[in-house]
Protein backbone atom coordinates (compact mmCIF):
# COMPACT_ATOMS: atom_id res chain seq x y z
CA UNK A 1 17.92 90.65 -230.56
CA UNK A 2 20.32 91.74 -227.80
CA UNK A 3 23.96 90.91 -228.46
CA UNK A 4 25.56 88.61 -225.89
CA UNK A 5 28.71 90.23 -224.41
CA UNK A 6 31.89 88.29 -225.14
CA UNK A 7 34.57 88.22 -222.42
CA UNK A 8 38.14 86.92 -222.70
CA UNK A 9 39.51 85.59 -219.39
CA UNK A 10 43.30 85.41 -219.08
CA UNK A 11 44.45 83.59 -215.94
CA UNK A 12 46.95 80.78 -215.36
CA UNK A 13 44.81 79.31 -212.55
CA UNK A 14 42.67 76.58 -214.16
CA UNK A 15 40.09 76.61 -211.38
CA UNK A 16 39.58 80.37 -211.64
CA UNK A 17 39.17 80.06 -215.40
CA UNK A 18 36.57 77.34 -214.95
CA UNK A 19 34.61 79.08 -212.19
CA UNK A 20 34.60 82.53 -213.79
CA UNK A 21 33.67 81.13 -217.21
CA UNK A 22 30.75 79.19 -215.74
CA UNK A 23 29.56 82.13 -213.63
CA UNK A 24 29.61 84.54 -216.58
CA UNK A 25 27.79 82.03 -218.78
CA UNK A 26 25.12 81.66 -216.09
CA UNK A 27 24.69 85.43 -216.19
CA UNK A 28 24.19 85.82 -219.92
CA UNK A 29 27.74 86.29 -221.19
CA UNK A 30 29.95 84.33 -223.54
CA UNK A 31 33.33 83.50 -221.95
CA UNK A 32 36.58 82.33 -223.54
CA UNK A 33 39.37 81.36 -221.13
CA UNK A 34 43.11 81.14 -221.82
CA UNK A 35 46.15 80.61 -219.61
CA UNK A 36 48.72 83.17 -220.76
CA UNK A 37 49.41 86.29 -222.82
CA UNK A 38 50.46 84.35 -225.92
CA UNK A 39 47.12 82.53 -226.03
CA UNK A 40 45.30 85.79 -225.31
CA UNK A 41 47.02 87.50 -228.24
CA UNK A 42 45.93 84.75 -230.60
CA UNK A 43 42.38 84.86 -229.25
CA UNK A 44 42.16 88.62 -229.75
CA UNK A 45 43.42 88.32 -233.31
CA UNK A 46 40.82 85.70 -234.15
CA UNK A 47 37.81 86.90 -232.16
CA UNK A 48 35.68 89.92 -231.34
CA UNK A 49 35.70 90.52 -227.59
CA UNK A 50 33.91 93.20 -225.60
CA UNK A 51 36.21 92.98 -222.57
CA UNK A 52 39.36 91.28 -221.30
CA UNK A 53 39.65 90.06 -217.70
CA UNK A 54 43.43 89.96 -217.31
CA UNK A 55 45.46 88.55 -214.42
CA UNK A 56 48.64 90.42 -213.54
CA UNK A 57 50.63 87.34 -212.48
CA UNK A 58 50.97 85.26 -215.65
CA UNK A 59 53.70 82.85 -216.75
CA UNK A 60 55.92 84.33 -219.43
CA UNK A 61 54.74 87.85 -220.29
CA UNK A 62 52.93 89.30 -217.28
CA UNK A 63 49.54 90.97 -217.45
CA UNK A 64 50.81 94.52 -217.09
CA UNK A 65 53.25 94.09 -219.97
CA UNK A 66 50.55 92.53 -222.14
CA UNK A 67 48.07 95.32 -221.34
CA UNK A 68 50.69 97.95 -222.18
CA UNK A 69 51.40 96.22 -225.50
CA UNK A 70 47.70 96.19 -226.38
CA UNK A 71 47.31 99.90 -225.67
CA UNK A 72 50.46 100.78 -227.62
CA UNK A 73 48.96 98.87 -230.55
CA UNK A 74 45.79 101.00 -230.14
CA UNK A 75 43.66 97.99 -229.17
CA UNK A 76 40.74 99.66 -227.37
CA UNK A 77 39.06 96.57 -225.94
CA UNK A 78 38.32 97.38 -222.26
CA UNK A 79 40.60 95.66 -219.74
CA UNK A 80 39.77 94.66 -216.18
CA UNK A 81 42.91 93.68 -214.27
CA UNK A 82 43.05 90.95 -211.61
CA UNK A 83 45.86 90.47 -209.10
CA UNK A 84 46.67 88.58 -205.94
CA UNK A 85 48.87 91.43 -204.81
CA UNK A 86 47.58 94.01 -202.37
CA UNK A 87 50.08 96.73 -203.21
CA UNK A 88 48.93 100.08 -204.56
CA UNK A 89 51.79 100.06 -207.08
CA UNK A 90 50.23 97.40 -209.27
CA UNK A 91 46.87 99.14 -209.23
CA UNK A 92 48.36 102.50 -210.17
CA UNK A 93 50.55 101.04 -212.91
CA UNK A 94 47.50 99.26 -214.31
CA UNK A 95 45.63 102.54 -214.51
CA UNK A 96 48.62 104.33 -216.02
CA UNK A 97 48.84 101.90 -218.93
CA UNK A 98 45.14 102.19 -219.68
CA UNK A 99 43.29 99.49 -217.72
CA UNK A 100 39.61 100.34 -217.26
CA UNK A 101 39.14 98.72 -213.85
CA UNK A 102 41.01 96.71 -211.25
CA UNK A 103 40.01 93.96 -208.81
CA UNK A 104 42.16 92.20 -206.20
CA UNK A 105 42.10 88.46 -205.52
CA UNK A 106 40.39 86.78 -203.84
CA UNK A 107 37.22 88.37 -205.17
CA UNK A 108 33.49 87.82 -204.95
CA UNK A 109 32.20 86.65 -208.36
CA UNK A 110 29.23 89.01 -208.00
CA UNK A 111 31.58 91.97 -207.61
CA UNK A 112 33.51 90.85 -210.70
CA UNK A 113 30.22 90.62 -212.62
CA UNK A 114 29.16 94.08 -211.43
CA UNK A 115 32.47 95.59 -212.51
CA UNK A 116 32.34 93.86 -215.89
CA UNK A 117 28.84 95.21 -216.48
CA UNK A 118 29.91 98.71 -215.44
CA UNK A 119 32.88 98.69 -217.83
CA UNK A 120 30.72 97.36 -220.67
CA UNK A 121 28.12 100.04 -219.97
CA UNK A 122 30.72 102.80 -220.12
CA UNK A 123 32.16 101.37 -223.32
CA UNK A 124 28.70 101.32 -224.88
CA UNK A 125 28.01 104.89 -223.81
CA UNK A 126 31.24 106.04 -225.49
CA UNK A 127 30.24 104.31 -228.71
CA UNK A 128 26.76 105.83 -228.58
CA UNK A 129 28.19 109.34 -228.21
CA UNK A 130 30.55 109.02 -231.17
CA UNK A 131 28.12 110.04 -233.97
CA UNK A 132 27.48 113.41 -232.29
CA UNK A 133 31.17 114.07 -231.81
CA UNK A 134 32.73 117.42 -232.70
CA UNK A 135 36.18 118.73 -233.46
CA UNK A 136 37.66 120.73 -230.60
CA UNK A 137 40.63 123.07 -231.07
CA UNK A 138 42.67 124.57 -228.23
CA UNK A 139 46.07 126.27 -228.24
CA UNK A 140 46.72 124.81 -231.70
CA UNK A 141 45.87 121.26 -230.64
CA UNK A 142 43.11 119.37 -232.53
CA UNK A 143 40.90 116.91 -230.65
CA UNK A 144 38.83 114.83 -233.07
CA UNK A 145 36.26 112.89 -231.05
CA UNK A 146 34.82 111.18 -234.11
CA UNK A 147 38.13 109.57 -235.04
CA UNK A 148 39.22 109.63 -231.38
CA UNK A 149 42.49 111.34 -232.30
CA UNK A 150 44.57 114.10 -230.73
CA UNK A 151 47.06 116.01 -232.87
CA UNK A 152 49.74 118.44 -231.75
CA UNK A 153 49.95 121.93 -233.28
CA UNK A 154 52.50 120.53 -235.76
CA UNK A 155 50.05 117.81 -236.84
CA UNK A 156 51.74 114.92 -235.04
CA UNK A 157 49.32 112.23 -233.84
CA UNK A 158 49.48 111.62 -230.07
CA UNK A 159 48.93 108.00 -228.94
CA UNK A 160 46.36 107.89 -226.14
CA UNK A 161 44.47 105.36 -224.07
CA UNK A 162 40.67 105.52 -223.91
CA UNK A 163 40.81 106.91 -220.37
CA UNK A 164 43.23 109.67 -221.37
CA UNK A 165 41.15 110.60 -224.40
CA UNK A 166 37.86 110.61 -222.50
CA UNK A 167 39.37 112.70 -219.70
CA UNK A 168 40.65 115.28 -222.20
CA UNK A 169 37.17 115.43 -223.76
CA UNK A 170 35.66 116.12 -220.34
CA UNK A 171 38.17 118.92 -219.76
CA UNK A 172 37.60 120.39 -223.24
CA UNK A 173 33.83 120.37 -222.72
CA UNK A 174 34.25 122.14 -219.37
CA UNK A 175 37.09 124.52 -220.18
CA UNK A 176 37.92 127.19 -217.58
CA UNK A 177 35.69 125.52 -215.01
CA UNK A 178 36.92 123.88 -211.80
CA UNK A 179 35.97 120.19 -211.73
CA UNK A 180 36.26 118.20 -208.52
CA UNK A 181 37.60 114.65 -208.53
CA UNK A 182 34.09 113.34 -207.87
CA UNK A 183 32.73 115.29 -210.85
CA UNK A 184 35.45 113.90 -213.09
CA UNK A 185 34.82 110.34 -211.88
CA UNK A 186 31.11 110.80 -212.45
CA UNK A 187 31.63 111.98 -216.04
CA UNK A 188 34.20 109.30 -216.81
CA UNK A 189 32.81 106.25 -215.10
CA UNK A 190 29.15 106.93 -214.24
CA UNK A 191 27.45 107.16 -210.88
CA UNK A 192 27.19 103.40 -210.39
CA UNK A 193 30.85 102.64 -211.07
CA UNK A 194 33.28 101.62 -208.35
CA UNK A 195 35.89 104.38 -208.10
CA UNK A 196 39.56 103.84 -207.37
CA UNK A 197 41.42 105.93 -204.83
CA UNK A 198 43.71 108.32 -206.73
CA UNK A 199 42.46 107.11 -210.11
CA UNK A 200 41.71 110.64 -211.33
CA UNK A 201 45.08 111.92 -210.09
CA UNK A 202 46.82 109.11 -211.98
CA UNK A 203 44.83 109.81 -215.15
CA UNK A 204 45.55 113.55 -214.97
CA UNK A 205 49.26 112.89 -214.42
CA UNK A 206 49.29 110.60 -217.47
CA UNK A 207 47.40 113.13 -219.60
CA UNK A 208 49.73 115.96 -218.60
CA UNK A 209 52.65 113.95 -219.98
CA UNK A 210 50.92 114.06 -223.37
CA UNK A 211 49.78 117.70 -223.58
CA UNK A 212 51.96 119.83 -221.29
CA UNK A 213 55.27 121.41 -222.30
CA UNK A 214 56.48 120.79 -218.75
CA UNK A 215 54.30 118.22 -216.93
CA UNK A 216 55.93 119.19 -213.63
CA UNK A 217 54.67 122.75 -214.12
CA UNK A 218 51.38 122.27 -215.93
CA UNK A 219 49.79 125.18 -217.74
CA UNK A 220 46.82 123.61 -219.54
CA UNK A 221 45.56 121.36 -216.71
CA UNK A 222 46.03 123.17 -213.43
CA UNK A 223 45.48 121.81 -209.95
CA UNK A 224 43.08 123.92 -207.89
CA UNK A 225 43.79 123.59 -204.20
CA UNK A 226 40.85 122.03 -202.32
CA UNK A 227 38.91 122.13 -205.58
CA UNK A 228 40.15 119.70 -208.20
CA UNK A 229 41.39 120.55 -211.67
CA UNK A 230 40.79 123.23 -214.31
CA UNK A 231 41.46 123.16 -218.05
CA UNK A 232 42.68 126.70 -218.75
CA UNK A 233 42.66 126.82 -222.56
CA UNK A 234 39.96 128.44 -224.67
CA UNK A 235 38.26 125.73 -226.73
CA UNK A 236 36.59 126.15 -230.11
CA UNK A 237 34.18 123.41 -231.21
CA UNK A 238 32.80 122.65 -234.66
CA UNK A 239 30.53 119.92 -236.13
């Protein structure tokens, strides 16, 4: 029996909560709707959700702050951000803190559904790959894709979002090869996913802050002019 996806909707607009909940239910999903971050926190503690649809403009704690708090607490539930703002800043900040996708208001419910399905598909693909995961070692760093952990040469655990971790895995699996932005998007999000402008650049910038001695002068993840990016380290993999 196929499991019904469970989606948590966090939006202070009652009509949006009602319409989105009904639309998702009509398309085979289970929807729970709450009005603010406090209610969302309680819902996440008491329920098992496959995805959070999170509005940026919330009363009290805003959506960006709440998303950042979830990622800092290592909550890996995928997040799709909603906003009425049209500025690039919100979109980029959302990506930097670990949101999986982003959609501006007003939106077409069918586009929201398509994006939810794409995020759920990517999340399922990550889970399916986990049993075949290997340990990768580079320049003293240890990347454990079974536990989804990165440790520094001194053994310190590095906190990472899912996007950062998956991007590092792609680089480690393609070490010393130039990967274009389109190739990275394809490996991270799949061919059917809606890509953000600059999303790869933002993810690389975020990852460099975690693994580079000097992120302004990167040595491990180098920019290749008119090409993309290259992971320069030699990588050893083991079962």
